[in-house]
């Protein structure tokens, strides 16, 4: 069993993406399925997303 977590920005709603450590990502509205994501791919995604947020804040 995987512990799924969602962003603290999601609040109590069910309209979010959840992350399962070592498993992947899933849509909270369709929790029966998930998209497998490797640790390397997740790290690369976070690096790009973080850079995008930083660039937006600087503008």
Protein backbone atom coordinates (compact mmCIF):
# COMPACT_ATOMS: atom_id res chain seq x y z
CA UNK A 1 0.00 0.00 0.00
CA UNK A 2 1.35 3.39 -0.99
CA UNK A 3 0.88 6.54 1.02
CA UNK A 4 -0.37 9.11 -1.46
CA UNK A 5 0.05 12.79 -0.67
CA UNK A 6 -1.09 15.99 -2.28
CA UNK A 7 0.14 19.55 -2.18
CA UNK A 8 -0.76 21.64 0.83
CA UNK A 9 -2.04 24.16 -1.73
CA UNK A 10 -4.82 21.73 -2.67
CA UNK A 11 -6.74 22.24 0.56
CA UNK A 12 -9.51 19.76 1.29
CA UNK A 13 -10.67 19.52 -2.32
CA UNK A 14 -10.56 16.46 -4.55
CA UNK A 15 -9.32 18.29 -7.63
CA UNK A 16 -5.58 17.69 -7.46
CA UNK A 17 -2.67 15.50 -8.42
CA UNK A 18 -1.30 13.16 -5.75
CA UNK A 19 2.22 11.74 -5.47
CA UNK A 20 3.00 8.23 -4.25
CA UNK A 21 6.60 7.73 -3.16
CA UNK A 22 8.24 5.15 -5.38
CA UNK A 23 5.06 4.68 -7.41
CA UNK A 24 4.11 7.71 -9.45
CA UNK A 25 1.35 10.26 -9.74
CA UNK A 26 -2.42 10.02 -9.93
CA UNK A 27 -5.50 12.20 -10.30
CA UNK A 28 -7.41 12.42 -7.03
CA UNK A 29 -10.66 12.11 -9.00
CA UNK A 30 -9.53 8.74 -10.43
CA UNK A 31 -7.43 7.15 -7.67
CA UNK A 32 -7.70 3.58 -9.01
CA UNK A 33 -5.05 4.28 -11.67
CA UNK A 34 -1.69 5.99 -11.60
CA UNK A 35 1.10 7.03 -13.93
CA UNK A 36 4.41 5.38 -13.01
CA UNK A 37 7.25 7.91 -12.73
CA UNK A 38 10.87 7.00 -11.99
CA UNK A 39 12.81 8.79 -9.28
CA UNK A 40 15.05 10.31 -11.96
CA UNK A 41 12.09 11.63 -13.96
CA UNK A 42 10.45 13.06 -10.83
CA UNK A 43 13.68 14.81 -9.81
CA UNK A 44 14.02 16.30 -13.30
CA UNK A 45 10.39 17.47 -13.22
CA UNK A 46 10.85 19.14 -9.83
CA UNK A 47 14.02 20.86 -11.02
CA UNK A 48 12.27 22.33 -14.07
CA UNK A 49 9.15 23.28 -12.11
CA UNK A 50 11.23 24.98 -9.44
CA UNK A 51 13.17 26.94 -12.07
CA UNK A 52 9.91 28.05 -13.72
CA UNK A 53 8.49 29.25 -10.40
CA UNK A 54 11.71 31.09 -9.57
CA UNK A 55 11.73 32.78 -12.98
CA UNK A 56 8.10 33.85 -12.58
CA UNK A 57 8.75 35.33 -9.13
CA UNK A 58 11.71 37.33 -10.42
CA UNK A 59 9.59 39.05 -13.10
